[in-house]
Amino acid sequence: MRDDIRRIATQRIQTLFRLAKETFHEDPQLAQRYVNLARKIAMAAKTHLPTEYKRQICRHCKSFILPGVNCRVRIKQQREPHLVITCLNCGNQMRIPLKRKKKEKT
């Protein structure tokens, strides 16, 4: 029973994010509504948003972000290599570490 709820929730979340991506250029407020619904479905079903969708939401203002439209994406090499996503709505920066390839032992 619980697995069925989570499976249905993930399907709906995928559909809502797909619709948000398609309608963002015509109606950004509708796309934001889709994302808010997807987040509420994930919380109600007690399931996590997949990483690919979690990165399309600003951690600070919770707005839907698309690279090149309302966010800026940069790769930084200082310290450890990481990806910096800057939300152009609120100015908040999200840092995502990039994993280095491990050297094989011979």
Protein backbone atom coordinates (compact mmCIF):
# COMPACT_ATOMS: atom_id res chain seq x y z
CA MET A 1 0.00 0.00 0.00
CA ARG A 2 2.74 2.45 1.00
CA ASP A 3 4.79 1.57 -2.09
CA ASP A 4 1.78 2.24 -4.33
CA ILE A 5 1.36 5.71 -2.83
CA ARG A 6 5.03 6.53 -3.35
CA ARG A 7 4.99 5.19 -6.91
CA ILE A 8 1.94 7.27 -7.81
CA ALA A 9 3.49 10.32 -6.10
CA THR A 10 6.74 10.01 -8.08
CA GLN A 11 4.78 9.70 -11.33
CA ARG A 12 2.81 12.85 -10.53
CA ILE A 13 5.97 14.71 -9.50
CA GLN A 14 7.62 13.78 -12.81
CA THR A 15 4.56 14.94 -14.74
CA LEU A 16 4.34 18.24 -12.87
CA PHE A 17 8.04 19.03 -13.40
CA ARG A 18 7.71 18.17 -17.10
CA LEU A 19 4.70 20.51 -17.39
CA ALA A 20 6.55 23.23 -15.46
CA LYS A 21 9.49 23.03 -17.87
CA GLU A 22 7.19 23.17 -20.91
CA THR A 23 5.07 26.10 -19.69
CA PHE A 24 7.79 28.21 -18.07
CA HIS A 25 8.38 30.46 -21.07
CA GLU A 26 4.66 31.18 -21.65
CA ASP A 27 3.51 31.44 -18.02
CA PRO A 28 6.16 31.40 -15.25
CA GLN A 29 3.53 31.66 -12.49
CA LEU A 30 1.79 28.49 -13.71
CA ALA A 31 5.15 26.70 -13.82
CA GLN A 32 5.79 27.83 -10.23
CA ARG A 33 2.37 26.49 -9.23
CA TYR A 34 3.24 23.09 -10.75
CA VAL A 35 6.48 22.98 -8.77
CA ASN A 36 4.71 23.94 -5.54
CA LEU A 37 2.18 21.14 -6.12
CA ALA A 38 5.00 18.66 -6.75
CA ARG A 39 6.70 19.65 -3.49
CA LYS A 40 3.43 19.27 -1.56
CA ILE A 41 2.82 15.84 -3.10
CA ALA A 42 6.32 14.74 -2.08
CA MET A 43 5.76 15.96 1.48
CA ALA A 44 2.32 14.33 1.73
CA ALA A 45 3.63 10.99 0.42
CA LYS A 46 6.68 11.28 2.71
CA THR A 47 9.04 10.76 -0.19
CA HIS A 48 12.09 12.71 -1.30
CA LEU A 49 12.22 14.71 -4.49
CA PRO A 50 14.72 13.15 -6.91
CA THR A 51 18.03 15.01 -7.09
CA GLU A 52 17.42 16.15 -10.67
CA TYR A 53 14.24 17.93 -9.57
CA LYS A 54 15.64 19.18 -6.29
CA ARG A 55 18.31 21.10 -8.20
CA GLN A 56 15.61 22.88 -10.23
CA ILE A 57 14.25 24.52 -7.09
CA CYS A 58 16.03 27.36 -5.31
CA ARG A 59 16.82 26.33 -1.75
CA HIS A 60 16.23 29.83 -0.45
CA CYS A 61 13.14 31.23 -2.22
CA LYS A 62 11.72 27.88 -3.45
CA SER A 63 11.24 29.22 -6.98
CA PHE A 64 11.53 27.06 -10.10
CA ILE A 65 14.81 27.78 -11.84
CA LEU A 66 15.93 26.97 -15.36
CA PRO A 67 19.61 27.34 -16.30
CA GLY A 68 20.17 30.31 -18.59
CA VAL A 69 16.71 31.77 -17.95
CA ASN A 70 16.48 32.74 -14.28
CA CYS A 71 19.65 31.19 -12.87
CA ARG A 72 23.36 31.25 -13.65
CA VAL A 73 25.46 28.08 -13.58
CA ARG A 74 29.24 28.19 -13.16
CA ILE A 75 31.95 25.62 -12.47
CA LYS A 76 34.51 26.71 -9.88
CA GLN A 77 37.89 25.05 -9.31
CA GLN A 78 38.86 26.65 -5.99
CA ARG A 79 39.44 24.12 -3.22
CA GLU A 80 37.41 21.20 -4.50
CA PRO A 81 35.74 21.54 -7.90
CA HIS A 82 32.09 22.47 -7.50
CA LEU A 83 29.10 23.75 -9.43
CA VAL A 84 27.64 27.10 -8.37
CA ILE A 85 24.01 27.81 -9.25
CA THR A 86 22.98 31.42 -8.64
CA CYS A 87 19.24 32.13 -8.49
CA LEU A 88 18.56 35.41 -10.27
CA ASN A 89 15.29 35.90 -8.34
CA CYS A 90 16.80 36.08 -4.84
CA GLY A 91 20.56 36.06 -5.52
CA ASN A 92 21.18 32.99 -3.37
CA GLN A 93 23.97 30.63 -4.40
CA MET A 94 23.78 26.84 -4.22
CA ARG A 95 27.01 24.86 -4.32
CA ILE A 96 27.09 21.28 -5.57
CA PRO A 97 30.37 19.37 -5.20
CA LEU A 98 31.74 17.64 -8.28
CA LYS A 99 33.27 14.26 -7.65
CA ARG A 100 36.74 13.57 -8.91
CA LYS A 101 37.52 10.33 -10.65
CA LYS A 102 39.38 7.95 -8.36
CA LYS A 103 42.74 6.69 -9.52
CA GLU A 104 42.86 2.99 -10.18
CA LYS A 105 45.42 0.97 -8.27
CA THR A 106 47.68 -1.12 -10.50
